[in-house]
PDB file of N, CA and C in Angstrom:
ATOM      1  N   MET A   1     112.501 111.115  88.432  1.00  0.00           N
ATOM      2  CA  MET A   1     111.301 111.055  87.632  1.00  0.00           C
ATOM      3  C   MET A   1     110.120 110.557  88.458  1.00  0.00           C
ATOM      4  N   ALA A   2     110.350 109.464  89.216  1.00  0.00           N
ATOM      5  CA  ALA A   2     109.272 108.909  90.035  1.00  0.00           C
ATOM      6  C   ALA A   2     108.853 109.907  91.111  1.00  0.00           C
ATOM      7  N   ALA A   3     109.810 110.608  91.684  1.00  0.00           N
ATOM      8  CA  ALA A   3     109.494 111.594  92.720  1.00  0.00           C
ATOM      9  C   ALA A   3     108.640 112.715  92.138  1.00  0.00           C
ATOM     10  N   GLY A   4     108.958 113.134  90.927  1.00  0.00           N
ATOM     11  CA  GLY A   4     108.165 114.173  90.259  1.00  0.00           C
ATOM     12  C   GLY A   4     106.749 113.710  89.992  1.00  0.00           C
ATOM     13  N   THR A   5     106.613 112.460  89.579  1.00  0.00           N
ATOM     14  CA  THR A   5     105.283 111.893  89.335  1.00  0.00           C
ATOM     15  C   THR A   5     104.509 111.813  90.634  1.00  0.00           C
ATOM     16  N   ASP A   6     105.176 111.397  91.707  1.00  0.00           N
ATOM     17  CA  ASP A   6     104.523 111.333  93.014  1.00  0.00           C
ATOM     18  C   ASP A   6     103.998 112.701  93.432  1.00  0.00           C
ATOM     19  N   VAL A   7     104.800 113.729  93.201  1.00  0.00           N
ATOM     20  CA  VAL A   7     104.394 115.084  93.561  1.00  0.00           C
ATOM     21  C   VAL A   7     103.179 115.504  92.734  1.00  0.00           C
ATOM     22  N   GLN A   8     103.187 115.191  91.455  1.00  0.00           N
ATOM     23  CA  GLN A   8     102.053 115.542  90.595  1.00  0.00           C
ATOM     24  C   GLN A   8     100.782 114.832  91.051  1.00  0.00           C
ATOM     25  N   ILE A   9     100.902 113.553  91.362  1.00  0.00           N
ATOM     26  CA  ILE A   9      99.733 112.789  91.806  1.00  0.00           C
ATOM     27  C   ILE A   9      99.217 113.333  93.131  1.00  0.00           C
ATOM     28  N   LYS A  10     100.127 113.620  94.061  1.00  0.00           N
ATOM     29  CA  LYS A  10      99.723 114.160  95.366  1.00  0.00           C
ATOM     30  C   LYS A  10      99.045 115.507  95.199  1.00  0.00           C
ATOM     31  N   THR A  11      99.590 116.360  94.331  1.00  0.00           N
ATOM     32  CA  THR A  11      98.996 117.675  94.085  1.00  0.00           C
ATOM     33  C   THR A  11      97.595 117.523  93.507  1.00  0.00           C
ATOM     34  N   LYS A  12      97.452 116.634  92.542  1.00  0.00           N
ATOM     35  CA  LYS A  12      96.146 116.387  91.917  1.00  0.00           C
ATOM     36  C   LYS A  12      95.159 115.846  92.949  1.00  0.00           C
ATOM     37  N   TYR A  13      95.618 114.899  93.773  1.00  0.00           N
ATOM     38  CA  TYR A  13      94.764 114.324  94.813  1.00  0.00           C
ATOM     39  C   TYR A  13      94.327 115.408  95.792  1.00  0.00           C
ATOM     40  N   ASP A  14      95.278 116.200  96.264  1.00  0.00           N
ATOM     41  CA  ASP A  14      94.971 117.254  97.239  1.00  0.00           C
ATOM     42  C   ASP A  14      93.997 118.275  96.674  1.00  0.00           C
ATOM     43  N   SER A  15      94.097 118.570  95.381  1.00  0.00           N
ATOM     44  CA  SER A  15      93.192 119.561  94.786  1.00  0.00           C
ATOM     45  C   SER A  15      91.775 119.016  94.619  1.00  0.00           C
ATOM     46  N   ASN A  16      91.603 117.705  94.757  1.00  0.00           N
ATOM     47  CA  ASN A  16      90.277 117.097  94.586  1.00  0.00           C
ATOM     48  C   ASN A  16      89.705 116.520  95.870  1.00  0.00           C
ATOM     49  N   THR A  17      90.292 116.839  97.011  1.00  0.00           N
ATOM     50  CA  THR A  17      89.824 116.248  98.267  1.00  0.00           C
ATOM     51  C   THR A  17      88.377 116.624  98.573  1.00  0.00           C
ATOM     52  N   GLU A  18      87.969 117.835  98.219  1.00  0.00           N
ATOM     53  CA  GLU A  18      86.588 118.238  98.464  1.00  0.00           C
ATOM     54  C   GLU A  18      85.624 117.373  97.651  1.00  0.00           C
ATOM     55  N   GLY A  19      85.972 117.105  96.408  1.00  0.00           N
ATOM     56  CA  GLY A  19      85.150 116.234  95.579  1.00  0.00           C
ATOM     57  C   GLY A  19      85.115 114.811  96.103  1.00  0.00           C
ATOM     58  N   PHE A  20      86.252 114.313  96.594  1.00  0.00           N
ATOM     59  CA  PHE A  20      86.291 112.973  97.171  1.00  0.00           C
ATOM     60  C   PHE A  20      85.400 112.909  98.408  1.00  0.00           C
ATOM     61  N   ALA A  21      85.406 113.980  99.192  1.00  0.00           N
ATOM     62  CA  ALA A  21      84.562 114.013 100.388  1.00  0.00           C
ATOM     63  C   ALA A  21      83.089 113.929  99.997  1.00  0.00           C
ATOM     64  N   LEU A  22      82.717 114.584  98.916  1.00  0.00           N
ATOM     65  CA  LEU A  22      81.320 114.506  98.450  1.00  0.00           C
ATOM     66  C   LEU A  22      80.949 113.087  98.047  1.00  0.00           C
ATOM     67  N   LEU A  23      81.889 112.363  97.457  1.00  0.00           N
ATOM     68  CA  LEU A  23      81.609 110.992  97.022  1.00  0.00           C
ATOM     69  C   LEU A  23      81.343 110.060  98.193  1.00  0.00           C
ATOM     70  N   SER A  24      81.848 110.392  99.360  1.00  0.00           N
ATOM     71  CA  SER A  24      81.646 109.525 100.513  1.00  0.00           C
ATOM     72  C   SER A  24      80.348 109.839 101.258  1.00  0.00           C
ATOM     73  N   LYS A  25      79.664 110.895 100.865  1.00  0.00           N
ATOM     74  CA  LYS A  25      78.421 111.274 101.536  1.00  0.00           C
ATOM     75  C   LYS A  25      77.262 110.417 101.040  1.00  0.00           C
ATOM     76  N   THR A  26      76.280 110.253 101.913  1.00  0.00           N
ATOM     77  CA  THR A  26      75.078 109.496 101.541  1.00  0.00           C
ATOM     78  C   THR A  26      74.138 110.404 100.760  1.00  0.00           C
ATOM     79  N   ARG A  27      73.127 109.795 100.182  1.00  0.00           N
ATOM     80  CA  ARG A  27      72.141 110.570  99.438  1.00  0.00           C
ATOM     81  C   ARG A  27      71.441 111.564 100.360  1.00  0.00           C
ATOM     82  N   GLN A  28      71.174 111.145 101.584  1.00  0.00           N
ATOM     83  CA  GLN A  28      70.519 112.040 102.534  1.00  0.00           C
ATOM     84  C   GLN A  28      71.400 113.246 102.852  1.00  0.00           C
ATOM     85  N   ASP A  29      72.693 112.996 103.030  1.00  0.00           N
ATOM     86  CA  ASP A  29      73.618 114.103 103.304  1.00  0.00           C
ATOM     87  C   ASP A  29      73.632 115.092 102.142  1.00  0.00           C
ATOM     88  N   LEU A  30      73.725 114.555 100.922  1.00  0.00           N
ATOM     89  CA  LEU A  30      73.767 115.424  99.745  1.00  0.00           C
ATOM     90  C   LEU A  30      72.445 116.153  99.550  1.00  0.00           C
ATOM     91  N   SER A  31      71.338 115.465  99.794  1.00  0.00           N
ATOM     92  CA  SER A  31      70.027 116.106  99.666  1.00  0.00           C
ATOM     93  C   SER A  31      69.894 117.242 100.671  1.00  0.00           C
ATOM     94  N   GLY A  32      70.442 117.032 101.863  1.00  0.00           N
ATOM     95  CA  GLY A  32      70.392 118.066 102.886  1.00  0.00           C
ATOM     96  C   GLY A  32      71.197 119.303 102.534  1.00  0.00           C
ATOM     97  N   MET A  33      72.131 119.160 101.613  1.00  0.00           N
ATOM     98  CA  MET A  33      72.950 120.298 101.200  1.00  0.00           C
ATOM     99  C   MET A  33      72.236 121.193 100.183  1.00  0.00           C
ATOM    100  N   ILE A  34      71.117 120.705  99.625  1.00  0.00           N
ATOM    101  CA  ILE A  34      70.358 121.494  98.657  1.00  0.00           C
ATOM    102  C   ILE A  34      69.535 122.524  99.420  1.00  0.00           C
ATOM    103  N   PRO A  35      69.665 123.802  99.094  1.00  0.00           N
ATOM    104  CA  PRO A  35      68.928 124.842  99.829  1.00  0.00           C
ATOM    105  C   PRO A  35      67.422 124.647  99.716  1.00  0.00           C
ATOM    106  N   GLN A  36      66.724 124.932 100.820  1.00  0.00           N
ATOM    107  CA  GLN A  36      65.273 124.847 100.850  1.00  0.00           C
ATOM    108  C   GLN A  36      64.686 126.240 100.601  1.00  0.00           C
ATOM    109  N   SER A  37      63.462 126.247 100.140  1.00  0.00           N
ATOM    110  CA  SER A  37      62.804 127.513  99.822  1.00  0.00           C
ATOM    111  C   SER A  37      61.384 127.503 100.375  1.00  0.00           C
ATOM    112  N   ALA A  38      60.810 128.702 100.503  1.00  0.00           N
ATOM    113  CA  ALA A  38      59.429 128.811 100.957  1.00  0.00           C
ATOM    114  C   ALA A  38      58.486 128.178  99.930  1.00  0.00           C
ATOM    115  N   ASN A  39      58.892 128.161  98.677  1.00  0.00           N
ATOM    116  CA  ASN A  39      58.077 127.583  97.603  1.00  0.00           C
ATOM    117  C   ASN A  39      58.492 126.128  97.356  1.00  0.00           C
ATOM    118  N   ALA A  40      58.632 125.365  98.418  1.00  0.00           N
ATOM    119  CA  ALA A  40      59.147 124.008  98.304  1.00  0.00           C
ATOM    120  C   ALA A  40      58.296 123.155  97.374  1.00  0.00           C
ATOM    121  N   GLY A  41      57.000 123.320  97.405  1.00  0.00           N
ATOM    122  CA  GLY A  41      56.116 122.533  96.533  1.00  0.00           C
ATOM    123  C   GLY A  41      56.404 122.781  95.066  1.00  0.00           C
ATOM    124  N   GLN A  42      56.606 124.028  94.695  1.00  0.00           N
ATOM    125  CA  GLN A  42      56.896 124.378  93.316  1.00  0.00           C
ATOM    126  C   GLN A  42      58.302 123.929  92.924  1.00  0.00           C
ATOM    127  N   ILE A  43      59.207 124.051  93.851  1.00  0.00           N
ATOM    128  CA  ILE A  43      60.597 123.704  93.564  1.00  0.00           C
ATOM    129  C   ILE A  43      60.741 122.201  93.319  1.00  0.00           C
ATOM    130  N   GLN A  44      59.965 121.395  94.047  1.00  0.00           N
ATOM    131  CA  GLN A  44      60.071 119.949  93.897  1.00  0.00           C
ATOM    132  C   GLN A  44      59.792 119.498  92.468  1.00  0.00           C
ATOM    133  N   SER A  45      58.974 120.257  91.746  1.00  0.00           N
ATOM    134  CA  SER A  45      58.659 119.881  90.368  1.00  0.00           C
ATOM    135  C   SER A  45      59.552 120.598  89.345  1.00  0.00           C
ATOM    136  N   ASP A  46      60.424 121.448  89.825  1.00  0.00           N
ATOM    137  CA  ASP A  46      61.332 122.161  88.933  1.00  0.00           C
ATOM    138  C   ASP A  46      62.245 121.150  88.234  1.00  0.00           C
ATOM    139  N   PRO A  47      62.398 121.262  86.909  1.00  0.00           N
ATOM    140  CA  PRO A  47      63.234 120.303  86.172  1.00  0.00           C
ATOM    141  C   PRO A  47      64.673 120.224  86.684  1.00  0.00           C
ATOM    142  N   VAL A  48      65.212 121.322  87.146  1.00  0.00           N
ATOM    143  CA  VAL A  48      66.578 121.319  87.663  1.00  0.00           C
ATOM    144  C   VAL A  48      66.652 120.480  88.938  1.00  0.00           C
ATOM    145  N   VAL A  49      65.685 120.671  89.824  1.00  0.00           N
ATOM    146  CA  VAL A  49      65.667 119.920  91.079  1.00  0.00           C
ATOM    147  C   VAL A  49      65.456 118.440  90.798  1.00  0.00           C
ATOM    148  N   VAL A  50      64.550 118.131  89.877  1.00  0.00           N
ATOM    149  CA  VAL A  50      64.301 116.737  89.499  1.00  0.00           C
ATOM    150  C   VAL A  50      65.577 116.125  88.922  1.00  0.00           C
ATOM    151  N   GLY A  51      66.276 116.881  88.100  1.00  0.00           N
ATOM    152  CA  GLY A  51      67.538 116.409  87.525  1.00  0.00           C
ATOM    153  C   GLY A  51      68.593 116.149  88.588  1.00  0.00           C
ATOM    154  N   ILE A  52      68.677 117.041  89.562  1.00  0.00           N
ATOM    155  CA  ILE A  52      69.642 116.866  90.647  1.00  0.00           C
ATOM    156  C   ILE A  52      69.300 115.625  91.461  1.00  0.00           C
ATOM    157  N   LYS A  53      68.020 115.442  91.741  1.00  0.00           N
ATOM    158  CA  LYS A  53      67.608 114.259  92.511  1.00  0.00           C
ATOM    159  C   LYS A  53      67.905 112.978  91.736  1.00  0.00           C
ATOM    160  N   ASP A  54      67.676 112.993  90.440  1.00  0.00           N
ATOM    161  CA  ASP A  54      68.016 111.823  89.620  1.00  0.00           C
ATOM    162  C   ASP A  54      69.527 111.568  89.653  1.00  0.00           C
ATOM    163  N   ALA A  55      70.297 112.635  89.563  1.00  0.00           N
ATOM    164  CA  ALA A  55      71.756 112.491  89.611  1.00  0.00           C
ATOM    165  C   ALA A  55      72.201 111.938  90.964  1.00  0.00           C
ATOM    166  N   LEU A  56      71.555 112.383  92.044  1.00  0.00           N
ATOM    167  CA  LEU A  56      71.880 111.859  93.368  1.00  0.00           C
ATOM    168  C   LEU A  56      71.541 110.369  93.469  1.00  0.00           C
ATOM    169  N   ALA A  57      70.427 109.972  92.872  1.00  0.00           N
ATOM    170  CA  ALA A  57      70.066 108.553  92.878  1.00  0.00           C
ATOM    171  C   ALA A  57      71.103 107.738  92.106  1.00  0.00           C
ATOM    172  N   GLN A  58      71.546 108.261  90.963  1.00  0.00           N
ATOM    173  CA  GLN A  58      72.576 107.573  90.181  1.00  0.00           C
ATOM    174  C   GLN A  58      73.889 107.506  90.955  1.00  0.00           C
ATOM    175  N   LEU A  59      74.219 108.584  91.638  1.00  0.00           N
ATOM    176  CA  LEU A  59      75.447 108.631  92.432  1.00  0.00           C
ATOM    177  C   LEU A  59      75.408 107.581  93.536  1.00  0.00           C
ATOM    178  N   GLU A  60      74.262 107.413  94.168  1.00  0.00           N
ATOM    179  CA  GLU A  60      74.130 106.411  95.223  1.00  0.00           C
ATOM    180  C   GLU A  60      74.314 105.002  94.659  1.00  0.00           C
ATOM    181  N   THR A  61      73.755 104.757  93.482  1.00  0.00           N
ATOM    182  CA  THR A  61      73.927 103.456  92.834  1.00  0.00           C
ATOM    183  C   THR A  61      75.402 103.205  92.513  1.00  0.00           C
ATOM    184  N   ILE A  62      76.067 104.222  92.014  1.00  0.00           N
ATOM    185  CA  ILE A  62      77.493 104.110  91.697  1.00  0.00           C
ATOM    186  C   ILE A  62      78.296 103.875  92.973  1.00  0.00           C
ATOM    187  N   ARG A  63      77.953 104.595  94.043  1.00  0.00           N
ATOM    188  CA  ARG A  63      78.656 104.437  95.320  1.00  0.00           C
ATOM    189  C   ARG A  63      78.523 103.013  95.842  1.00  0.00           C
ATOM    190  N   GLN A  64      77.318 102.467  95.746  1.00  0.00           N
ATOM    191  CA  GLN A  64      77.107 101.096  96.215  1.00  0.00           C
ATOM    192  C   GLN A  64      77.903 100.109  95.357  1.00  0.00           C
ATOM    193  N   GLY A  65      77.935 100.343  94.055  1.00  0.00           N
ATOM    194  CA  GLY A  65      78.722  99.492  93.170  1.00  0.00           C
ATOM    195  C   GLY A  65      80.203  99.566  93.488  1.00  0.00           C
ATOM    196  N   LYS A  66      80.688 100.779  93.746  1.00  0.00           N
ATOM    197  CA  LYS A  66      82.098 100.967  94.102  1.00  0.00           C
ATOM    198  C   LYS A  66      82.413 100.234  95.389  1.00  0.00           C
ATOM    199  N   GLU A  67      81.528 100.345  96.353  1.00  0.00           N
ATOM    200  CA  GLU A  67      81.730  99.675  97.642  1.00  0.00           C
ATOM    201  C   GLU A  67      81.813  98.164  97.456  1.00  0.00           C
ATOM    202  N   LYS A  68      80.942  97.625  96.615  1.00  0.00           N
ATOM    203  CA  LYS A  68      80.930  96.185  96.370  1.00  0.00           C
ATOM    204  C   LYS A  68      82.236  95.749  95.698  1.00  0.00           C
ATOM    205  N   VAL A  69      82.653  96.490  94.684  1.00  0.00           N
ATOM    206  CA  VAL A  69      83.889  96.146  93.965  1.00  0.00           C
ATOM    207  C   VAL A  69      85.089  96.235  94.896  1.00  0.00           C
ATOM    208  N   MET A  70      85.146  97.269  95.722  1.00  0.00           N
ATOM    209  CA  MET A  70      86.265  97.423  96.652  1.00  0.00           C
ATOM    210  C   MET A  70      86.307  96.257  97.642  1.00  0.00           C
ATOM    211  N   ASN A  71      85.144  95.879  98.172  1.00  0.00           N
ATOM    212  CA  ASN A  71      85.100  94.763  99.120  1.00  0.00           C
ATOM    213  C   ASN A  71      85.523  93.457  98.456  1.00  0.00           C
ATOM    214  N   GLU A  72      85.076  93.239  97.223  1.00  0.00           N
ATOM    215  CA  GLU A  72      85.468  92.030  96.496  1.00  0.00           C
ATOM    216  C   GLU A  72      86.969  92.039  96.214  1.00  0.00           C
ATOM    217  N   GLY A  73      87.507  93.191  95.854  1.00  0.00           N
ATOM    218  CA  GLY A  73      88.938  93.306  95.579  1.00  0.00           C
ATOM    219  C   GLY A  73      89.777  93.037  96.815  1.00  0.00           C
ATOM    220  N   VAL A  74      89.351  93.574  97.946  1.00  0.00           N
ATOM    221  CA  VAL A  74      90.080  93.350  99.193  1.00  0.00           C
ATOM    222  C   VAL A  74      90.022  91.876  99.568  1.00  0.00           C
ATOM    223  N   ALA A  75      88.845  91.263  99.438  1.00  0.00           N
ATOM    224  CA  ALA A  75      88.709  89.837  99.759  1.00  0.00           C
ATOM    225  C   ALA A  75      89.583  88.994  98.836  1.00  0.00           C
ATOM    226  N   MET A  76      89.604  89.332  97.548  1.00  0.00           N
ATOM    227  CA  MET A  76      90.412  88.584  96.592  1.00  0.00           C
ATOM    228  C   MET A  76      91.899  88.754  96.929  1.00  0.00           C
ATOM    229  N   HIS A  77      92.288  89.963  97.273  1.00  0.00           N
ATOM    230  CA  HIS A  77      93.686  90.228  97.616  1.00  0.00           C
ATOM    231  C   HIS A  77      94.089  89.460  98.880  1.00  0.00           C
ATOM    232  N   ASP A  78      93.180  89.398  99.855  1.00  0.00           N
ATOM    233  CA  ASP A  78      93.477  88.682 101.096  1.00  0.00           C
ATOM    234  C   ASP A  78      93.707  87.191 100.849  1.00  0.00           C
ATOM    235  N   GLN A  79      93.070  86.659  99.824  1.00  0.00           N
ATOM    236  CA  GLN A  79      93.189  85.237  99.516  1.00  0.00           C
ATOM    237  C   GLN A  79      94.308  84.938  98.524  1.00  0.00           C
ATOM    238  N   LEU A  80      94.963  85.949  98.004  1.00  0.00           N
ATOM    239  CA  LEU A  80      95.951  85.766  96.945  1.00  0.00           C
ATOM    240  C   LEU A  80      97.186  85.000  97.396  1.00  0.00           C
ATOM    241  N   GLN A  81      97.666  85.261  98.586  1.00  0.00           N
ATOM    242  CA  GLN A  81      98.873  84.626  99.119  1.00  0.00           C
ATOM    243  C   GLN A  81     100.070  84.806  98.167  1.00  0.00           C
ATOM    244  N   ALA A  82     100.237  86.005  97.689  1.00  0.00           N
ATOM    245  CA  ALA A  82     101.296  86.298  96.729  1.00  0.00           C
ATOM    246  C   ALA A  82     102.682  86.064  97.304  1.00  0.00           C
ATOM    247  N   VAL A  83     102.899  86.441  98.545  1.00  0.00           N
ATOM    248  CA  VAL A  83     104.225  86.298  99.140  1.00  0.00           C
ATOM    249  C   VAL A  83     104.632  84.825  99.157  1.00  0.00           C
ATOM    250  N   GLU A  84     103.691  83.975  99.563  1.00  0.00           N
ATOM    251  CA  GLU A  84     103.995  82.543  99.619  1.00  0.00           C
ATOM    252  C   GLU A  84     104.349  82.003  98.239  1.00  0.00           C
ATOM    253  N   GLU A  85     103.584  82.390  97.240  1.00  0.00           N
ATOM    254  CA  GLU A  85     103.832  81.921  95.879  1.00  0.00           C
ATOM    255  C   GLU A  85     105.175  82.421  95.347  1.00  0.00           C
ATOM    256  N   LEU A  86     105.480  83.695  95.625  1.00  0.00           N
ATOM    257  CA  LEU A  86     106.744  84.251  95.163  1.00  0.00           C
ATOM    258  C   LEU A  86     107.937  83.639  95.906  1.00  0.00           C
ATOM    259  N   MET A  87     107.740  83.269  97.154  1.00  0.00           N
ATOM    260  CA  MET A  87     108.797  82.572  97.888  1.00  0.00           C
ATOM    261  C   MET A  87     109.080  81.213  97.259  1.00  0.00           C
ATOM    262  N   LYS A  88     108.028  80.534  96.802  1.00  0.00           N
ATOM    263  CA  LYS A  88     108.218  79.252  96.123  1.00  0.00           C
ATOM    264  C   LYS A  88     109.046  79.440  94.851  1.00  0.00           C
ATOM    265  N   VAL A  89     108.761  80.517  94.119  1.00  0.00           N
ATOM    266  CA  VAL A  89     109.529  80.811  92.904  1.00  0.00           C
ATOM    267  C   VAL A  89     110.983  81.079  93.277  1.00  0.00           C
ATOM    268  N   ASN A  90     111.176  81.895  94.310  1.00  0.00           N
ATOM    269  CA  ASN A  90     112.523  82.253  94.752  1.00  0.00           C
ATOM    270  C   ASN A  90     113.318  81.019  95.184  1.00  0.00           C
ATOM    271  N   GLN A  91     112.656  80.066  95.793  1.00  0.00           N
ATOM    272  CA  GLN A  91     113.320  78.851  96.264  1.00  0.00           C
ATOM    273  C   GLN A  91     113.451  77.796  95.170  1.00  0.00           C
ATOM    274  N   GLY A  92     112.905  78.077  94.003  1.00  0.00           N
ATOM    275  CA  GLY A  92     112.989  77.138  92.899  1.00  0.00           C
ATOM    276  C   GLY A  92     111.933  76.038  92.950  1.00  0.00           C
ATOM    277  N   ASN A  93     110.922  76.205  93.790  1.00  0.00           N
ATOM    278  CA  ASN A  93     109.867  75.197  93.936  1.00  0.00           C
ATOM    279  C   ASN A  93     108.654  75.480  93.050  1.00  0.00           C
ATOM    280  N   ALA A  94     108.673  76.588  92.325  1.00  0.00           N
ATOM    281  CA  ALA A  94     107.566  76.923  91.422  1.00  0.00           C
ATOM    282  C   ALA A  94     108.124  77.655  90.212  1.00  0.00           C
ATOM    283  N   ASN A  95     107.431  77.542  89.103  1.00  0.00           N
ATOM    284  CA  ASN A  95     107.831  78.193  87.859  1.00  0.00           C
ATOM    285  C   ASN A  95     107.321  79.626  87.850  1.00  0.00           C
ATOM    286  N   LYS A  96     108.207  80.561  87.593  1.00  0.00           N
ATOM    287  CA  LYS A  96     107.865  81.983  87.595  1.00  0.00           C
ATOM    288  C   LYS A  96     106.713  82.290  86.632  1.00  0.00           C
ATOM    289  N   GLY A  97     106.783  81.742  85.424  1.00  0.00           N
ATOM    290  CA  GLY A  97     105.744  81.990  84.428  1.00  0.00           C
ATOM    291  C   GLY A  97     104.392  81.453  84.860  1.00  0.00           C
ATOM    292  N   ASP A  98     104.382  80.271  85.475  1.00  0.00           N
ATOM    293  CA  ASP A  98     103.125  79.687  85.948  1.00  0.00           C
ATOM    294  C   ASP A  98     102.504  80.532  87.058  1.00  0.00           C
ATOM    295  N   VAL A  99     103.341  80.998  87.982  1.00  0.00           N
ATOM    296  CA  VAL A  99     102.845  81.844  89.076  1.00  0.00           C
ATOM    297  C   VAL A  99     102.300  83.148  88.513  1.00  0.00           C
ATOM    298  N   PHE A 100     103.036  83.741  87.577  1.00  0.00           N
ATOM    299  CA  PHE A 100     102.571  84.990  86.948  1.00  0.00           C
ATOM    300  C   PHE A 100     101.226  84.769  86.264  1.00  0.00           C
ATOM    301  N   GLN A 101     101.092  83.705  85.525  1.00  0.00           N
ATOM    302  CA  GLN A 101      99.831  83.428  84.824  1.00  0.00           C
ATOM    303  C   GLN A 101      98.681  83.196  85.813  1.00  0.00           C
ATOM    304  N   SER A 102      98.976  82.550  86.926  1.00  0.00           N
ATOM    305  CA  SER A 102      97.913  82.337  87.924  1.00  0.00           C
ATOM    306  C   SER A 102      97.463  83.658  88.526  1.00  0.00           C
ATOM    307  N   PHE A 103      98.426  84.567  88.808  1.00  0.00           N
ATOM    308  CA  PHE A 103      98.076  85.890  89.320  1.00  0.00           C
ATOM    309  C   PHE A 103      97.261  86.657  88.277  1.00  0.00           C
ATOM    310  N   LYS A 104      97.706  86.581  87.050  1.00  0.00           N
ATOM    311  CA  LYS A 104      97.032  87.293  85.961  1.00  0.00           C
ATOM    312  C   LYS A 104      95.598  86.797  85.801  1.00  0.00           C
ATOM    313  N   ALA A 105      95.383  85.503  85.929  1.00  0.00           N
ATOM    314  CA  ALA A 105      94.041  84.930  85.785  1.00  0.00           C
ATOM    315  C   ALA A 105      93.128  85.367  86.916  1.00  0.00           C
ATOM    316  N   LYS A 106      93.704  85.534  88.115  1.00  0.00           N
ATOM    317  CA  LYS A 106      92.896  85.936  89.272  1.00  0.00           C
ATOM    318  C   LYS A 106      92.438  87.385  89.164  1.00  0.00           C
ATOM    319  N   TYR A 107      93.258  88.204  88.523  1.00  0.00           N
ATOM    320  CA  TYR A 107      92.902  89.623  88.398  1.00  0.00           C
ATOM    321  C   TYR A 107      92.359  89.917  87.035  1.00  0.00           C
TER     322      TYR A 107
END
């Protein structure tokens, strides 16, 4: 069952790699992917172009937020010392429920 789930997740991930690659691009990279036209002045005021630019700005804000959350999560995980705490439980030097509650409170 777990192997089947792994295959499904991998298949889903692989089918979305192009979208994931877009998420890692900067606003400048994405803006550069928008085709240019001889009527650039007129196009800049086109509602579709304005909408795309607004969406790119929102995407950049989301990307920065994701980056911040990921960095905070990694820092929190680095400070967790879960192995040490679980070793204390295994050796009988700490209460399993107390350790679990402390982990739960941190996350």
